[in-house]
Amino acid sequence: MIYLIGSIILTSYLTLSFKALERLRISSQQAIVFNYIACVVTGSVVNGHLPVGVGLLKETWLPWALLMGIAFISLFNVIALCAQKLGVAITSVANKLSLVIPVLFSVYLYQERLSVIQVLGIVLALVAVLLTSWPAKTGTMQVRATSSKWLLALPLVLFLGSGLLDTLVKYVEQGFLNEGNKNDYLVTAFGVAALAGLVMLAVQIITGRQTFDPRAVLAGICIGVPNYFSIWCLVRVLSDYGDRSASIIPINNMGVVLFSALMAWLLFREHLTRINITGILLAVAAIALIAYG
């Protein structure tokens, strides 16, 4: 139970931290780059080695690690933008309801069956994403919706991107990974994300589109270490409840949605309309139906 609580708190912390970066006027893009460097260092220290060398080039999972690394940093930037522009609660719902997509792919790839209740949960999930993202008629959200209507597409992009990433993780885990190489795969993917981010950041600094902010290094460490351990806790949860993983992941997601929304209201006084709150409640109901249907 302690690892489940740890996973919920640390995962929620990641989304909340992007809101804090906006308040502190620290570049989220720079912080994300140093976050992945911190993930690589943390993973290597915890597991006692850094996966480098010629042998790495022979690993069958290497192309998937390259793809996942690019997906990691791309999706993290979407999460940061969504949290800062639309709010933590909306971001958490769009991110965690993405479990719908790997469920659907499991039906297609592995011939798993869905019950009527699970299908209802998937429909509710789609409605929940729409309602949670619905802009207010007055206030900041209305101004943002008027001036930048493309922002309203962010939850959908996050929903699809996170779902496809989870599907990729499941596919690679079942086809290429075992207990002996899982950490090497994860640290390699983090390393690819860090390298891609460093290249993009260097180009932007050289061309004058960004100015390096030393505070982003500390911010990246403060995000990266919890980021690594959020995954570590989830892996421990799945290991401890291996026979109940189908329900543990949705329970974890429900906890993240509710805890993130609560902390966003307490810490940042995020405003949610009745439609948004209805969407959050539908999200929790959808996750429960998918898990226990």
C-alpha atoms as a PDB file:
ATOM      1  CA  MET A   1       0.000   0.000   0.000  1.00  0.00           C
ATOM      2  CA  ILE A   2       2.867   2.380   0.783  1.00  0.00           C
ATOM      3  CA  TYR A   3       4.179   2.090  -2.793  1.00  0.00           C
ATOM      4  CA  LEU A   4       0.717   2.762  -4.242  1.00  0.00           C
ATOM      5  CA  ILE A   5       0.428   5.930  -2.129  1.00  0.00           C
ATOM      6  CA  GLY A   6       3.961   6.900  -3.165  1.00  0.00           C
ATOM      7  CA  SER A   7       3.122   6.447  -6.843  1.00  0.00           C
ATOM      8  CA  ILE A   8      -0.022   8.586  -6.549  1.00  0.00           C
ATOM      9  CA  ILE A   9       1.725  11.409  -4.659  1.00  0.00           C
ATOM     10  CA  LEU A  10       4.855  11.475  -6.836  1.00  0.00           C
ATOM     11  CA  THR A  11       2.927  11.301 -10.113  1.00  0.00           C
ATOM     12  CA  SER A  12       0.669  14.140  -8.970  1.00  0.00           C
ATOM     13  CA  TYR A  13       3.736  16.102  -7.871  1.00  0.00           C
ATOM     14  CA  LEU A  14       5.118  16.021 -11.414  1.00  0.00           C
ATOM     15  CA  THR A  15       2.073  17.763 -12.898  1.00  0.00           C
ATOM     16  CA  LEU A  16       1.862  20.222  -9.990  1.00  0.00           C
ATOM     17  CA  SER A  17       5.551  21.079 -10.408  1.00  0.00           C
ATOM     18  CA  PHE A  18       4.934  22.441 -13.905  1.00  0.00           C
ATOM     19  CA  LYS A  19       2.387  24.848 -12.469  1.00  0.00           C
ATOM     20  CA  ALA A  20       5.018  25.937  -9.934  1.00  0.00           C
ATOM     21  CA  LEU A  21       7.545  26.502 -12.749  1.00  0.00           C
ATOM     22  CA  GLU A  22       5.105  28.902 -14.395  1.00  0.00           C
ATOM     23  CA  ARG A  23       4.680  30.836 -11.147  1.00  0.00           C
ATOM     24  CA  LEU A  24       8.453  31.029 -10.686  1.00  0.00           C
ATOM     25  CA  ARG A  25       8.966  31.940 -14.369  1.00  0.00           C
ATOM     26  CA  ILE A  26      11.398  29.087 -14.946  1.00  0.00           C
ATOM     27  CA  SER A  27      11.555  27.593 -18.445  1.00  0.00           C
ATOM     28  CA  SER A  28       9.688  24.285 -18.341  1.00  0.00           C
ATOM     29  CA  GLN A  29      11.485  23.142 -21.495  1.00  0.00           C
ATOM     30  CA  GLN A  30      14.901  23.608 -19.859  1.00  0.00           C
ATOM     31  CA  ALA A  31      13.717  22.009 -16.607  1.00  0.00           C
ATOM     32  CA  ILE A  32      12.411  18.985 -18.535  1.00  0.00           C
ATOM     33  CA  VAL A  33      15.807  18.457 -20.185  1.00  0.00           C
ATOM     34  CA  PHE A  34      17.627  18.463 -16.847  1.00  0.00           C
ATOM     35  CA  ASN A  35      14.856  16.330 -15.380  1.00  0.00           C
ATOM     36  CA  TYR A  36      15.789  13.503 -17.741  1.00  0.00           C
ATOM     37  CA  ILE A  37      19.473  13.880 -16.953  1.00  0.00           C
ATOM     38  CA  ALA A  38      18.526  13.545 -13.275  1.00  0.00           C
ATOM     39  CA  CYS A  39      16.458  10.440 -14.139  1.00  0.00           C
ATOM     40  CA  VAL A  40      19.466   8.806 -15.810  1.00  0.00           C
ATOM     41  CA  VAL A  41      21.754   9.577 -12.876  1.00  0.00           C
ATOM     42  CA  THR A  42      19.182   8.451 -10.299  1.00  0.00           C
ATOM     43  CA  GLY A  43      18.416   5.208 -12.144  1.00  0.00           C
ATOM     44  CA  SER A  44      22.111   4.418 -12.567  1.00  0.00           C
ATOM     45  CA  VAL A  45      22.892   5.077  -8.884  1.00  0.00           C
ATOM     46  CA  VAL A  46      19.913   3.063  -7.613  1.00  0.00           C
ATOM     47  CA  ASN A  47      20.743   0.091  -9.853  1.00  0.00           C
ATOM     48  CA  GLY A  48      24.501   0.297  -9.631  1.00  0.00           C
ATOM     49  CA  HIS A  49      25.431   0.748 -13.282  1.00  0.00           C
ATOM     50  CA  LEU A  50      24.938   2.881 -16.385  1.00  0.00           C
ATOM     51  CA  PRO A  51      23.887   0.955 -19.527  1.00  0.00           C
ATOM     52  CA  VAL A  52      26.605   1.989 -22.000  1.00  0.00           C
ATOM     53  CA  GLY A  53      28.989   0.142 -24.278  1.00  0.00           C
ATOM     54  CA  VAL A  54      29.085  -1.737 -27.576  1.00  0.00           C
ATOM     55  CA  GLY A  55      26.758  -4.396 -26.184  1.00  0.00           C
ATOM     56  CA  LEU A  56      23.973  -1.845 -26.051  1.00  0.00           C
ATOM     57  CA  LEU A  57      23.945  -1.664 -29.860  1.00  0.00           C
ATOM     58  CA  LYS A  58      23.082  -5.366 -30.027  1.00  0.00           C
ATOM     59  CA  GLU A  59      19.999  -5.102 -27.835  1.00  0.00           C
ATOM     60  CA  THR A  60      16.773  -5.880 -29.715  1.00  0.00           C
ATOM     61  CA  TRP A  61      14.931  -3.282 -27.645  1.00  0.00           C
ATOM     62  CA  LEU A  62      17.269  -0.392 -28.579  1.00  0.00           C
ATOM     63  CA  PRO A  63      15.107   1.005 -31.450  1.00  0.00           C
ATOM     64  CA  TRP A  64      12.105   0.998 -29.131  1.00  0.00           C
ATOM     65  CA  ALA A  65      14.123   2.801 -26.440  1.00  0.00           C
ATOM     66  CA  LEU A  66      15.052   5.467 -28.999  1.00  0.00           C
ATOM     67  CA  LEU A  67      11.413   5.905 -29.988  1.00  0.00           C
ATOM     68  CA  MET A  68      10.273   5.980 -26.376  1.00  0.00           C
ATOM     69  CA  GLY A  69      12.898   8.555 -25.424  1.00  0.00           C
ATOM     70  CA  ILE A  70      11.635  10.943 -28.102  1.00  0.00           C
ATOM     71  CA  ALA A  71       8.052  10.242 -26.991  1.00  0.00           C
ATOM     72  CA  PHE A  72       8.991  10.883 -23.342  1.00  0.00           C
ATOM     73  CA  ILE A  73      10.341  14.387 -23.852  1.00  0.00           C
ATOM     74  CA  SER A  74       7.658  15.346 -26.381  1.00  0.00           C
ATOM     75  CA  LEU A  75       4.844  14.238 -24.086  1.00  0.00           C
ATOM     76  CA  PHE A  76       6.394  15.853 -21.006  1.00  0.00           C
ATOM     77  CA  ASN A  77       6.434  19.196 -22.827  1.00  0.00           C
ATOM     78  CA  VAL A  78       2.755  18.726 -23.707  1.00  0.00           C
ATOM     79  CA  ILE A  79       1.984  17.938 -20.054  1.00  0.00           C
ATOM     80  CA  ALA A  80       3.839  21.075 -18.937  1.00  0.00           C
ATOM     81  CA  LEU A  81       2.029  23.288 -21.449  1.00  0.00           C
ATOM     82  CA  CYS A  82      -1.355  21.778 -20.631  1.00  0.00           C
ATOM     83  CA  ALA A  83      -0.842  22.147 -16.860  1.00  0.00           C
ATOM     84  CA  GLN A  84       0.269  25.767 -17.205  1.00  0.00           C
ATOM     85  CA  LYS A  85      -2.357  26.888 -19.702  1.00  0.00           C
ATOM     86  CA  LEU A  86      -5.408  24.783 -18.811  1.00  0.00           C
ATOM     87  CA  GLY A  87      -4.767  23.595 -15.262  1.00  0.00           C
ATOM     88  CA  VAL A  88      -3.515  20.602 -13.284  1.00  0.00           C
ATOM     89  CA  ALA A  89      -6.905  18.887 -12.945  1.00  0.00           C
ATOM     90  CA  ILE A  90      -7.587  18.923 -16.693  1.00  0.00           C
ATOM     91  CA  THR A  91      -4.072  17.661 -17.398  1.00  0.00           C
ATOM     92  CA  SER A  92      -4.366  14.783 -14.927  1.00  0.00           C
ATOM     93  CA  VAL A  93      -7.706  13.652 -16.334  1.00  0.00           C
ATOM     94  CA  ALA A  94      -6.502  13.726 -19.961  1.00  0.00           C
ATOM     95  CA  ASN A  95      -3.289  11.939 -18.989  1.00  0.00           C
ATOM     96  CA  LYS A  96      -4.764   9.209 -16.809  1.00  0.00           C
ATOM     97  CA  LEU A  97      -7.847   8.468 -18.873  1.00  0.00           C
ATOM     98  CA  SER A  98      -5.478   7.532 -21.680  1.00  0.00           C
ATOM     99  CA  LEU A  99      -5.556   3.981 -20.269  1.00  0.00           C
ATOM    100  CA  VAL A 100      -8.514   3.591 -22.646  1.00  0.00           C
ATOM    101  CA  ILE A 101      -6.128   3.412 -25.615  1.00  0.00           C
ATOM    102  CA  PRO A 102      -3.932   0.484 -24.430  1.00  0.00           C
ATOM    103  CA  VAL A 103      -7.144  -1.330 -23.464  1.00  0.00           C
ATOM    104  CA  LEU A 104      -8.439  -0.950 -27.033  1.00  0.00           C
ATOM    105  CA  PHE A 105      -5.093  -2.003 -28.496  1.00  0.00           C
ATOM    106  CA  SER A 106      -5.108  -5.066 -26.217  1.00  0.00           C
ATOM    107  CA  VAL A 107      -8.377  -6.072 -27.864  1.00  0.00           C
ATOM    108  CA  TYR A 108      -6.818  -5.658 -31.316  1.00  0.00           C
ATOM    109  CA  LEU A 109      -3.307  -7.043 -30.675  1.00  0.00           C
ATOM    110  CA  TYR A 110      -3.918  -9.693 -28.023  1.00  0.00           C
ATOM    111  CA  GLN A 111      -7.564 -10.585 -28.678  1.00  0.00           C
ATOM    112  CA  GLU A 112      -8.587  -9.588 -25.160  1.00  0.00           C
ATOM    113  CA  ARG A 113     -12.336  -9.245 -24.616  1.00  0.00           C
ATOM    114  CA  LEU A 114     -14.240  -6.234 -23.290  1.00  0.00           C
ATOM    115  CA  SER A 115     -17.420  -6.487 -21.263  1.00  0.00           C
ATOM    116  CA  VAL A 116     -20.400  -4.204 -21.839  1.00  0.00           C
ATOM    117  CA  ILE A 117     -19.495  -2.358 -18.624  1.00  0.00           C
ATOM    118  CA  GLN A 118     -15.931  -1.736 -19.854  1.00  0.00           C
ATOM    119  CA  VAL A 119     -17.251  -0.404 -23.160  1.00  0.00           C
ATOM    120  CA  LEU A 120     -19.492   1.949 -21.155  1.00  0.00           C
ATOM    121  CA  GLY A 121     -16.400   3.015 -19.191  1.00  0.00           C
ATOM    122  CA  ILE A 122     -14.545   3.841 -22.421  1.00  0.00           C
ATOM    123  CA  VAL A 123     -17.464   5.955 -23.653  1.00  0.00           C
ATOM    124  CA  LEU A 124     -17.636   7.750 -20.288  1.00  0.00           C
ATOM    125  CA  ALA A 125     -13.873   8.363 -20.466  1.00  0.00           C
ATOM    126  CA  LEU A 126     -14.189  10.163 -23.784  1.00  0.00           C
ATOM    127  CA  VAL A 127     -17.051  12.291 -22.451  1.00  0.00           C
ATOM    128  CA  ALA A 128     -15.031  13.021 -19.287  1.00  0.00           C
ATOM    129  CA  VAL A 129     -12.071  14.364 -21.302  1.00  0.00           C
ATOM    130  CA  LEU A 130     -14.434  16.658 -23.202  1.00  0.00           C
ATOM    131  CA  LEU A 131     -16.216  17.978 -20.095  1.00  0.00           C
ATOM    132  CA  THR A 132     -13.057  18.441 -18.033  1.00  0.00           C
ATOM    133  CA  SER A 133     -11.519  20.475 -20.866  1.00  0.00           C
ATOM    134  CA  TRP A 134     -14.631  22.609 -21.392  1.00  0.00           C
ATOM    135  CA  PRO A 135     -13.690  26.305 -20.999  1.00  0.00           C
ATOM    136  CA  ALA A 136     -15.452  28.641 -18.592  1.00  0.00           C
ATOM    137  CA  LYS A 137     -17.664  31.394 -20.051  1.00  0.00           C
ATOM    138  CA  THR A 138     -15.903  34.039 -17.993  1.00  0.00           C
ATOM    139  CA  GLY A 139     -12.458  34.573 -16.555  1.00  0.00           C
ATOM    140  CA  THR A 140      -9.023  33.437 -17.614  1.00  0.00           C
ATOM    141  CA  MET A 141     -10.149  30.305 -19.400  1.00  0.00           C
ATOM    142  CA  GLN A 142     -12.498  32.336 -21.598  1.00  0.00           C
ATOM    143  CA  VAL A 143      -9.721  34.720 -22.559  1.00  0.00           C
ATOM    144  CA  ARG A 144      -7.407  31.839 -23.380  1.00  0.00           C
ATOM    145  CA  ALA A 145     -10.088  30.060 -25.364  1.00  0.00           C
ATOM    146  CA  THR A 146     -10.757  33.222 -27.392  1.00  0.00           C
ATOM    147  CA  SER A 147      -7.137  34.136 -28.094  1.00  0.00           C
ATOM    148  CA  SER A 148      -5.700  30.632 -28.496  1.00  0.00           C
ATOM    149  CA  LYS A 149      -8.365  28.142 -29.458  1.00  0.00           C
ATOM    150  CA  TRP A 150      -5.676  25.592 -30.274  1.00  0.00           C
ATOM    151  CA  LEU A 151      -5.045  25.268 -26.535  1.00  0.00           C
ATOM    152  CA  LEU A 152      -8.329  23.401 -26.253  1.00  0.00           C
ATOM    153  CA  ALA A 153      -6.797  20.635 -28.384  1.00  0.00           C
ATOM    154  CA  LEU A 154      -4.015  20.051 -25.826  1.00  0.00           C
ATOM    155  CA  PRO A 155      -6.004  17.604 -23.641  1.00  0.00           C
ATOM    156  CA  LEU A 156      -6.848  15.543 -26.721  1.00  0.00           C
ATOM    157  CA  VAL A 157      -3.200  15.530 -27.844  1.00  0.00           C
ATOM    158  CA  LEU A 158      -2.156  14.509 -24.324  1.00  0.00           C
ATOM    159  CA  PHE A 159      -4.875  11.839 -24.169  1.00  0.00           C
ATOM    160  CA  LEU A 160      -3.806  10.288 -27.482  1.00  0.00           C
ATOM    161  CA  GLY A 161      -0.060  10.688 -26.907  1.00  0.00           C
ATOM    162  CA  SER A 162      -0.065   9.232 -23.406  1.00  0.00           C
ATOM    163  CA  GLY A 163      -2.290   6.354 -24.492  1.00  0.00           C
ATOM    164  CA  LEU A 164      -0.074   5.470 -27.439  1.00  0.00           C
ATOM    165  CA  LEU A 165       3.017   5.669 -25.196  1.00  0.00           C
ATOM    166  CA  ASP A 166       1.410   3.289 -22.667  1.00  0.00           C
ATOM    167  CA  THR A 167       0.549   0.955 -25.541  1.00  0.00           C
ATOM    168  CA  LEU A 168       4.169   1.051 -26.713  1.00  0.00           C
ATOM    169  CA  VAL A 169       5.381   0.275 -23.180  1.00  0.00           C
ATOM    170  CA  LYS A 170       3.097  -2.767 -22.958  1.00  0.00           C
ATOM    171  CA  TYR A 171       4.111  -4.011 -26.408  1.00  0.00           C
ATOM    172  CA  VAL A 172       7.837  -3.713 -25.698  1.00  0.00           C
ATOM    173  CA  GLU A 173       7.501  -5.187 -22.204  1.00  0.00           C
ATOM    174  CA  GLN A 174       5.755  -8.281 -23.500  1.00  0.00           C
ATOM    175  CA  GLY A 175       7.940  -8.777 -26.556  1.00  0.00           C
ATOM    176  CA  PHE A 176      11.447  -7.637 -25.620  1.00  0.00           C
ATOM    177  CA  LEU A 177      11.960  -7.144 -21.884  1.00  0.00           C
ATOM    178  CA  ASN A 178      12.643  -9.300 -18.828  1.00  0.00           C
ATOM    179  CA  GLU A 179      13.675  -8.739 -15.230  1.00  0.00           C
ATOM    180  CA  GLY A 180      17.328  -8.505 -16.262  1.00  0.00           C
ATOM    181  CA  ASN A 181      17.053  -5.730 -18.838  1.00  0.00           C
ATOM    182  CA  LYS A 182      14.063  -3.598 -17.792  1.00  0.00           C
ATOM    183  CA  ASN A 183      16.173  -1.005 -15.974  1.00  0.00           C
ATOM    184  CA  ASP A 184      18.710  -0.780 -18.813  1.00  0.00           C
ATOM    185  CA  TYR A 185      15.840  -0.171 -21.223  1.00  0.00           C
ATOM    186  CA  LEU A 186      14.256   2.525 -19.042  1.00  0.00           C
ATOM    187  CA  VAL A 187      17.529   4.363 -18.324  1.00  0.00           C
ATOM    188  CA  THR A 188      18.426   4.231 -22.022  1.00  0.00           C
ATOM    189  CA  ALA A 189      15.055   5.762 -22.940  1.00  0.00           C
ATOM    190  CA  PHE A 190      15.617   8.494 -20.337  1.00  0.00           C
ATOM    191  CA  GLY A 191      19.092   9.076 -21.797  1.00  0.00           C
ATOM    192  CA  VAL A 192      17.682   9.445 -25.316  1.00  0.00           C
ATOM    193  CA  ALA A 193      15.128  11.955 -24.018  1.00  0.00           C
ATOM    194  CA  ALA A 194      17.890  13.919 -22.287  1.00  0.00           C
ATOM    195  CA  LEU A 195      20.132  13.905 -25.373  1.00  0.00           C
ATOM    196  CA  ALA A 196      17.310  14.985 -27.703  1.00  0.00           C
ATOM    197  CA  GLY A 197      16.363  17.752 -25.286  1.00  0.00           C
ATOM    198  CA  LEU A 198      19.953  18.961 -24.965  1.00  0.00           C
ATOM    199  CA  VAL A 199      20.356  19.170 -28.747  1.00  0.00           C
ATOM    200  CA  MET A 200      17.121  21.155 -29.163  1.00  0.00           C
ATOM    201  CA  LEU A 201      17.993  23.419 -26.242  1.00  0.00           C
ATOM    202  CA  ALA A 202      21.517  24.059 -27.554  1.00  0.00           C
ATOM    203  CA  VAL A 203      20.146  25.034 -30.980  1.00  0.00           C
ATOM    204  CA  GLN A 204      17.640  27.437 -29.415  1.00  0.00           C
ATOM    205  CA  ILE A 205      20.280  29.052 -27.174  1.00  0.00           C
ATOM    206  CA  ILE A 206      22.763  29.412 -30.044  1.00  0.00           C
ATOM    207  CA  THR A 207      20.116  30.983 -32.283  1.00  0.00           C
ATOM    208  CA  GLY A 208      19.017  33.332 -29.515  1.00  0.00           C
ATOM    209  CA  ARG A 209      15.498  31.940 -29.113  1.00  0.00           C
ATOM    210  CA  GLN A 210      16.204  31.040 -25.476  1.00  0.00           C
ATOM    211  CA  THR A 211      18.505  32.202 -22.718  1.00  0.00           C
ATOM    212  CA  PHE A 212      19.936  29.621 -20.374  1.00  0.00           C
ATOM    213  CA  ASP A 213      18.434  29.830 -16.887  1.00  0.00           C
ATOM    214  CA  PRO A 214      20.640  28.216 -14.179  1.00  0.00           C
ATOM    215  CA  ARG A 215      17.545  27.775 -12.011  1.00  0.00           C
ATOM    216  CA  ALA A 216      16.290  25.224 -14.534  1.00  0.00           C
ATOM    217  CA  VAL A 217      19.072  22.840 -13.484  1.00  0.00           C
ATOM    218  CA  LEU A 218      17.846  22.770  -9.878  1.00  0.00           C
ATOM    219  CA  ALA A 219      14.247  22.601 -11.051  1.00  0.00           C
ATOM    220  CA  GLY A 220      15.118  19.645 -13.284  1.00  0.00           C
ATOM    221  CA  ILE A 221      16.676  17.789 -10.371  1.00  0.00           C
ATOM    222  CA  CYS A 222      13.625  18.508  -8.210  1.00  0.00           C
ATOM    223  CA  ILE A 223      11.429  17.026 -10.942  1.00  0.00           C
ATOM    224  CA  GLY A 224      13.718  14.253 -12.193  1.00  0.00           C
ATOM    225  CA  VAL A 225      14.370  12.393  -8.941  1.00  0.00           C
ATOM    226  CA  PRO A 226      10.639  12.132  -8.079  1.00  0.00           C
ATOM    227  CA  ASN A 227       9.945  11.283 -11.731  1.00  0.00           C
ATOM    228  CA  TYR A 228      12.211   8.236 -11.535  1.00  0.00           C
ATOM    229  CA  PHE A 229      10.809   7.100  -8.198  1.00  0.00           C
ATOM    230  CA  SER A 230       7.206   7.557  -9.359  1.00  0.00           C
ATOM    231  CA  ILE A 231       7.904   4.857 -11.942  1.00  0.00           C
ATOM    232  CA  TRP A 232       9.903   2.820  -9.413  1.00  0.00           C
ATOM    233  CA  CYS A 233       6.959   2.866  -6.984  1.00  0.00           C
ATOM    234  CA  LEU A 234       4.510   1.845  -9.720  1.00  0.00           C
ATOM    235  CA  VAL A 235       6.758  -1.072 -10.708  1.00  0.00           C
ATOM    236  CA  ARG A 236       6.875  -2.186  -7.057  1.00  0.00           C
ATOM    237  CA  VAL A 237       3.092  -1.942  -6.828  1.00  0.00           C
ATOM    238  CA  LEU A 238       2.654  -4.073  -9.944  1.00  0.00           C
ATOM    239  CA  SER A 239       5.176  -6.556  -8.549  1.00  0.00           C
ATOM    240  CA  ASP A 240       3.406  -6.795  -5.179  1.00  0.00           C
ATOM    241  CA  TYR A 241      -0.050  -7.081  -6.770  1.00  0.00           C
ATOM    242  CA  GLY A 242       0.901  -8.968  -9.919  1.00  0.00           C
ATOM    243  CA  ASP A 243      -2.353 -10.925  -9.968  1.00  0.00           C
ATOM    244  CA  ARG A 244      -4.381  -7.707  -9.653  1.00  0.00           C
ATOM    245  CA  SER A 245      -2.504  -5.415 -12.031  1.00  0.00           C
ATOM    246  CA  ALA A 246      -5.609  -4.887 -14.169  1.00  0.00           C
ATOM    247  CA  SER A 247      -7.293  -3.135 -11.240  1.00  0.00           C
ATOM    248  CA  ILE A 248      -4.233  -1.604  -9.547  1.00  0.00           C
ATOM    249  CA  ILE A 249      -3.362   0.670 -12.498  1.00  0.00           C
ATOM    250  CA  PRO A 250      -6.883   2.170 -12.678  1.00  0.00           C
ATOM    251  CA  ILE A 251      -6.889   2.624  -8.891  1.00  0.00           C
ATOM    252  CA  ASN A 252      -3.559   4.434  -9.198  1.00  0.00           C
ATOM    253  CA  ASN A 253      -4.987   6.628 -11.967  1.00  0.00           C
ATOM    254  CA  MET A 254      -8.110   7.460  -9.952  1.00  0.00           C
ATOM    255  CA  GLY A 255      -5.912   8.478  -7.039  1.00  0.00           C
ATOM    256  CA  VAL A 256      -3.765  10.721  -9.255  1.00  0.00           C
ATOM    257  CA  VAL A 257      -6.801  12.454 -10.773  1.00  0.00           C
ATOM    258  CA  LEU A 258      -8.428  13.184  -7.414  1.00  0.00           C
ATOM    259  CA  PHE A 259      -5.237  14.062  -5.508  1.00  0.00           C
ATOM    260  CA  SER A 260      -3.993  16.341  -8.304  1.00  0.00           C
ATOM    261  CA  ALA A 261      -7.318  18.179  -8.494  1.00  0.00           C
ATOM    262  CA  LEU A 262      -7.408  18.637  -4.707  1.00  0.00           C
ATOM    263  CA  MET A 263      -3.814  19.883  -4.445  1.00  0.00           C
ATOM    264  CA  ALA A 264      -4.242  22.202  -7.446  1.00  0.00           C
ATOM    265  CA  TRP A 265      -7.212  23.794  -5.690  1.00  0.00           C
ATOM    266  CA  LEU A 266      -5.383  24.075  -2.343  1.00  0.00           C
ATOM    267  CA  LEU A 267      -2.045  25.297  -3.698  1.00  0.00           C
ATOM    268  CA  PHE A 268      -2.975  27.273  -6.802  1.00  0.00           C
ATOM    269  CA  ARG A 269      -6.688  27.986  -6.281  1.00  0.00           C
ATOM    270  CA  GLU A 270      -7.489  26.540  -9.690  1.00  0.00           C
ATOM    271  CA  HIS A 271     -11.026  27.376 -10.755  1.00  0.00           C
ATOM    272  CA  LEU A 272     -13.194  24.517 -11.997  1.00  0.00           C
ATOM    273  CA  THR A 273     -16.691  24.982 -13.389  1.00  0.00           C
ATOM    274  CA  ARG A 274     -19.532  22.605 -12.624  1.00  0.00           C
ATOM    275  CA  ILE A 275     -18.980  21.089 -16.062  1.00  0.00           C
ATOM    276  CA  ASN A 276     -15.287  20.508 -15.267  1.00  0.00           C
ATOM    277  CA  ILE A 277     -16.131  18.926 -11.889  1.00  0.00           C
ATOM    278  CA  THR A 278     -18.685  16.699 -13.592  1.00  0.00           C
ATOM    279  CA  GLY A 279     -15.946  15.640 -16.002  1.00  0.00           C
ATOM    280  CA  ILE A 280     -13.595  14.729 -13.134  1.00  0.00           C
ATOM    281  CA  LEU A 281     -16.307  12.642 -11.444  1.00  0.00           C
ATOM    282  CA  LEU A 282     -17.082  10.924 -14.747  1.00  0.00           C
ATOM    283  CA  ALA A 283     -13.360  10.232 -15.158  1.00  0.00           C
ATOM    284  CA  VAL A 284     -13.226   8.433 -11.820  1.00  0.00           C
ATOM    285  CA  ALA A 285     -16.391   6.484 -12.717  1.00  0.00           C
ATOM    286  CA  ALA A 286     -14.949   5.562 -16.125  1.00  0.00           C
ATOM    287  CA  ILE A 287     -11.702   4.277 -14.607  1.00  0.00           C
ATOM    288  CA  ALA A 288     -13.677   2.203 -12.096  1.00  0.00           C
ATOM    289  CA  LEU A 289     -15.879   0.680 -14.832  1.00  0.00           C
ATOM    290  CA  ILE A 290     -12.850  -0.194 -16.977  1.00  0.00           C
ATOM    291  CA  ALA A 291     -11.072  -1.732 -13.981  1.00  0.00           C
ATOM    292  CA  TYR A 292     -13.901  -3.767 -12.512  1.00  0.00           C
ATOM    293  CA  GLY A 293     -16.085  -4.384 -15.578  1.00  0.00           C
END
